[in-house]
Amino acid sequence: MSLITHIDGVPLFTTIAEAVLWGSQYGLTGHHTHNVLGQTGYMGGTDHATITSAMQGGVVSNITTQQISNTSTGSVGGGGGGY
């Protein structure tokens, strides 16, 4: 995952996919943006208050290393296929 910084303890990522995946561990969907030194970054949850509140409740679904790997490589879905 490509981390830009943390804001209020919440990571700010370079891609929407990373932000959405990270937010999913708190049961959230969607994303919102923050601008840091002219760079747009992405954070899980539809707004900042939602993610900070969800974090107080703790993780509800752990993300897997495979999900992280798929997000980093741009893969989606469950794999498979081939000839």
N, C-alpha and C. Protein backbone atom coordinates (compact mmCIF):
# COMPACT_ATOMS: atom_id res chain seq x y z
N MET A 1 0.84 -1.18 0.00
CA MET A 1 0.00 0.00 0.00
C MET A 1 0.88 1.24 0.00
N SER A 2 0.42 2.25 -0.69
CA SER A 2 1.19 3.49 -0.81
C SER A 2 0.62 4.55 0.12
N LEU A 3 1.31 4.76 1.20
CA LEU A 3 0.87 5.68 2.24
C LEU A 3 1.47 7.06 2.02
N ILE A 4 0.63 8.08 2.08
CA ILE A 4 1.11 9.46 1.99
C ILE A 4 1.43 9.98 3.38
N THR A 5 0.47 9.86 4.28
CA THR A 5 0.61 10.34 5.65
C THR A 5 -0.54 9.80 6.48
N HIS A 6 -0.62 10.21 7.72
CA HIS A 6 -1.77 9.94 8.58
C HIS A 6 -2.39 11.27 8.99
N ILE A 7 -3.70 11.31 9.04
CA ILE A 7 -4.41 12.47 9.53
C ILE A 7 -5.31 11.98 10.67
N ASP A 8 -5.10 12.50 11.86
CA ASP A 8 -5.83 12.05 13.04
C ASP A 8 -5.71 10.54 13.24
N GLY A 9 -4.55 10.00 12.90
CA GLY A 9 -4.31 8.57 13.07
C GLY A 9 -4.87 7.70 11.95
N VAL A 10 -5.45 8.31 10.95
CA VAL A 10 -6.05 7.58 9.82
C VAL A 10 -5.12 7.69 8.62
N PRO A 11 -4.78 6.54 7.99
CA PRO A 11 -3.87 6.60 6.85
C PRO A 11 -4.51 7.23 5.61
N LEU A 12 -3.69 7.98 4.89
CA LEU A 12 -4.07 8.62 3.64
C LEU A 12 -3.27 7.95 2.53
N PHE A 13 -3.96 7.36 1.55
CA PHE A 13 -3.32 6.56 0.51
C PHE A 13 -3.28 7.27 -0.84
N THR A 14 -2.45 6.76 -1.72
CA THR A 14 -2.33 7.34 -3.06
C THR A 14 -3.41 6.86 -4.02
N THR A 15 -4.10 5.77 -3.68
CA THR A 15 -5.14 5.26 -4.59
C THR A 15 -6.46 5.06 -3.84
N ILE A 16 -7.53 5.15 -4.60
CA ILE A 16 -8.87 4.90 -4.05
C ILE A 16 -8.97 3.46 -3.59
N ALA A 17 -8.46 2.52 -4.39
CA ALA A 17 -8.58 1.10 -4.05
C ALA A 17 -7.96 0.79 -2.69
N GLU A 18 -6.82 1.37 -2.41
CA GLU A 18 -6.17 1.15 -1.11
C GLU A 18 -7.02 1.71 0.03
N ALA A 19 -7.57 2.89 -0.17
CA ALA A 19 -8.39 3.53 0.85
C ALA A 19 -9.66 2.72 1.13
N VAL A 20 -10.30 2.28 0.06
CA VAL A 20 -11.53 1.50 0.20
C VAL A 20 -11.25 0.18 0.90
N LEU A 21 -10.16 -0.48 0.53
CA LEU A 21 -9.80 -1.75 1.18
C LEU A 21 -9.52 -1.51 2.66
N TRP A 22 -8.76 -0.50 2.97
CA TRP A 22 -8.44 -0.22 4.37
C TRP A 22 -9.71 0.08 5.16
N GLY A 23 -10.61 0.87 4.60
CA GLY A 23 -11.86 1.19 5.27
C GLY A 23 -12.76 -0.01 5.46
N SER A 24 -12.65 -0.99 4.56
CA SER A 24 -13.52 -2.17 4.63
C SER A 24 -13.31 -2.96 5.92
N GLN A 25 -12.13 -2.87 6.51
CA GLN A 25 -11.90 -3.61 7.76
C GLN A 25 -12.70 -3.02 8.91
N TYR A 26 -13.22 -1.83 8.73
CA TYR A 26 -14.08 -1.19 9.73
C TYR A 26 -15.54 -1.23 9.31
N GLY A 27 -15.84 -2.02 8.28
CA GLY A 27 -17.22 -2.15 7.80
C GLY A 27 -17.70 -0.98 6.96
N LEU A 28 -16.76 -0.19 6.45
CA LEU A 28 -17.11 1.00 5.67
C LEU A 28 -16.99 0.76 4.18
N THR A 29 -17.71 1.54 3.42
CA THR A 29 -17.57 1.56 1.96
C THR A 29 -17.27 3.00 1.56
N GLY A 30 -16.88 3.16 0.33
CA GLY A 30 -16.64 4.50 -0.18
C GLY A 30 -15.31 5.09 0.26
N HIS A 31 -15.10 6.32 -0.14
CA HIS A 31 -13.85 7.03 0.18
C HIS A 31 -14.10 8.53 0.16
N HIS A 32 -13.14 9.25 0.68
CA HIS A 32 -13.14 10.70 0.58
C HIS A 32 -11.70 11.15 0.37
N THR A 33 -11.51 12.40 0.06
CA THR A 33 -10.18 12.89 -0.27
C THR A 33 -9.71 13.94 0.73
N HIS A 34 -8.39 14.06 0.79
CA HIS A 34 -7.72 15.13 1.53
C HIS A 34 -6.59 15.61 0.62
N ASN A 35 -6.25 16.86 0.73
CA ASN A 35 -5.15 17.42 -0.04
C ASN A 35 -4.01 17.76 0.92
N VAL A 36 -2.85 17.18 0.68
CA VAL A 36 -1.68 17.41 1.54
C VAL A 36 -0.53 17.91 0.66
N LEU A 37 -0.11 19.12 0.91
CA LEU A 37 0.99 19.73 0.15
C LEU A 37 0.78 19.60 -1.36
N GLY A 38 -0.45 19.84 -1.79
CA GLY A 38 -0.77 19.81 -3.21
C GLY A 38 -1.03 18.44 -3.79
N GLN A 39 -0.93 17.39 -2.98
CA GLN A 39 -1.18 16.03 -3.46
C GLN A 39 -2.52 15.55 -2.91
N THR A 40 -3.38 15.07 -3.81
CA THR A 40 -4.66 14.50 -3.39
C THR A 40 -4.42 13.08 -2.89
N GLY A 41 -4.96 12.80 -1.71
CA GLY A 41 -4.87 11.47 -1.14
C GLY A 41 -6.26 10.96 -0.83
N TYR A 42 -6.37 9.66 -0.65
CA TYR A 42 -7.66 9.00 -0.47
C TYR A 42 -7.72 8.29 0.87
N MET A 43 -8.89 8.39 1.51
CA MET A 43 -9.10 7.81 2.82
C MET A 43 -10.40 7.03 2.78
N GLY A 44 -10.44 5.89 3.48
CA GLY A 44 -11.64 5.07 3.53
C GLY A 44 -12.79 5.79 4.21
N GLY A 45 -14.01 5.38 3.87
CA GLY A 45 -15.21 5.99 4.45
C GLY A 45 -15.64 7.20 3.66
N THR A 46 -16.90 7.53 3.73
CA THR A 46 -17.41 8.62 2.91
C THR A 46 -17.05 10.01 3.43
N ASP A 47 -16.64 10.09 4.71
CA ASP A 47 -16.14 11.37 5.22
C ASP A 47 -15.23 11.09 6.42
N HIS A 48 -14.52 12.09 6.84
CA HIS A 48 -13.50 11.91 7.88
C HIS A 48 -14.12 11.52 9.22
N ALA A 49 -15.25 12.10 9.56
CA ALA A 49 -15.90 11.76 10.83
C ALA A 49 -16.32 10.29 10.87
N THR A 50 -16.75 9.76 9.73
CA THR A 50 -17.19 8.37 9.67
C THR A 50 -16.05 7.41 9.95
N ILE A 51 -14.88 7.64 9.35
CA ILE A 51 -13.75 6.72 9.55
C ILE A 51 -13.19 6.85 10.95
N THR A 52 -13.10 8.04 11.49
CA THR A 52 -12.56 8.17 12.84
C THR A 52 -13.50 7.54 13.87
N SER A 53 -14.79 7.66 13.66
CA SER A 53 -15.77 7.02 14.54
C SER A 53 -15.70 5.50 14.42
N ALA A 54 -15.61 4.99 13.21
CA ALA A 54 -15.54 3.54 12.98
C ALA A 54 -14.27 2.96 13.61
N MET A 55 -13.18 3.70 13.55
CA MET A 55 -11.93 3.21 14.13
C MET A 55 -12.06 3.04 15.64
N GLN A 56 -12.85 3.87 16.29
CA GLN A 56 -13.05 3.75 17.73
C GLN A 56 -13.75 2.45 18.08
N GLY A 57 -14.59 1.94 17.16
CA GLY A 57 -15.29 0.69 17.37
C GLY A 57 -14.42 -0.53 17.12
N GLY A 58 -13.30 -0.33 16.47
CA GLY A 58 -12.37 -1.43 16.20
C GLY A 58 -12.63 -2.14 14.89
N VAL A 59 -11.68 -2.97 14.52
CA VAL A 59 -11.74 -3.74 13.28
C VAL A 59 -12.87 -4.76 13.37
N VAL A 60 -13.67 -4.84 12.31
CA VAL A 60 -14.76 -5.82 12.27
C VAL A 60 -14.48 -6.94 11.27
N SER A 61 -13.54 -6.72 10.36
CA SER A 61 -13.21 -7.72 9.36
C SER A 61 -11.76 -7.50 8.91
N ASN A 62 -10.89 -8.42 9.26
CA ASN A 62 -9.48 -8.27 8.89
C ASN A 62 -9.28 -8.39 7.39
N ILE A 63 -8.41 -7.55 6.85
CA ILE A 63 -8.05 -7.69 5.45
C ILE A 63 -6.90 -8.68 5.36
N THR A 64 -6.83 -9.36 4.24
CA THR A 64 -5.81 -10.40 4.07
C THR A 64 -4.64 -9.88 3.26
N THR A 65 -3.53 -10.58 3.37
CA THR A 65 -2.37 -10.20 2.56
C THR A 65 -2.68 -10.36 1.08
N GLN A 66 -3.54 -11.31 0.73
CA GLN A 66 -3.93 -11.49 -0.68
C GLN A 66 -4.71 -10.27 -1.17
N GLN A 67 -5.61 -9.75 -0.34
CA GLN A 67 -6.35 -8.55 -0.72
C GLN A 67 -5.41 -7.37 -0.92
N ILE A 68 -4.44 -7.23 -0.04
CA ILE A 68 -3.46 -6.16 -0.17
C ILE A 68 -2.67 -6.32 -1.45
N SER A 69 -2.23 -7.54 -1.71
CA SER A 69 -1.46 -7.83 -2.92
C SER A 69 -2.29 -7.52 -4.17
N ASN A 70 -3.54 -7.93 -4.17
CA ASN A 70 -4.40 -7.67 -5.32
C ASN A 70 -4.62 -6.18 -5.53
N THR A 71 -4.75 -5.44 -4.45
CA THR A 71 -4.92 -3.99 -4.56
C THR A 71 -3.67 -3.33 -5.11
N SER A 72 -2.51 -3.80 -4.66
CA SER A 72 -1.24 -3.23 -5.10
C SER A 72 -0.96 -3.50 -6.57
N THR A 73 -1.42 -4.66 -7.06
CA THR A 73 -1.15 -5.01 -8.45
C THR A 73 -2.28 -4.62 -9.38
N GLY A 74 -3.38 -4.14 -8.80
CA GLY A 74 -4.50 -3.73 -9.62
C GLY A 74 -5.43 -4.88 -9.95
N SER A 75 -5.20 -6.07 -9.41
CA SER A 75 -6.06 -7.20 -9.67
C SER A 75 -7.35 -7.06 -8.91
N VAL A 76 -8.40 -7.58 -9.48
CA VAL A 76 -9.68 -7.62 -8.80
C VAL A 76 -10.27 -9.00 -8.97
N GLY A 77 -11.19 -9.34 -8.11
CA GLY A 77 -11.84 -10.64 -8.23
C GLY A 77 -11.06 -11.72 -7.52
N GLY A 78 -11.51 -12.93 -7.73
CA GLY A 78 -10.97 -14.06 -6.98
C GLY A 78 -9.91 -14.85 -7.71
N GLY A 79 -9.40 -14.35 -8.81
CA GLY A 79 -8.36 -15.08 -9.53
C GLY A 79 -8.95 -16.15 -10.41
N GLY A 80 -8.18 -17.18 -10.69
CA GLY A 80 -8.66 -18.28 -11.53
C GLY A 80 -8.49 -17.97 -12.99
N GLY A 81 -9.22 -18.70 -13.79
CA GLY A 81 -9.16 -18.47 -15.24
C GLY A 81 -7.95 -19.16 -15.84
N GLY A 82 -7.55 -18.70 -16.96
CA GLY A 82 -6.39 -19.28 -17.62
C GLY A 82 -6.78 -20.22 -18.74
N TYR A 83 -5.78 -20.66 -19.46
CA TYR A 83 -6.02 -21.54 -20.60
C TYR A 83 -5.24 -22.79 -20.47
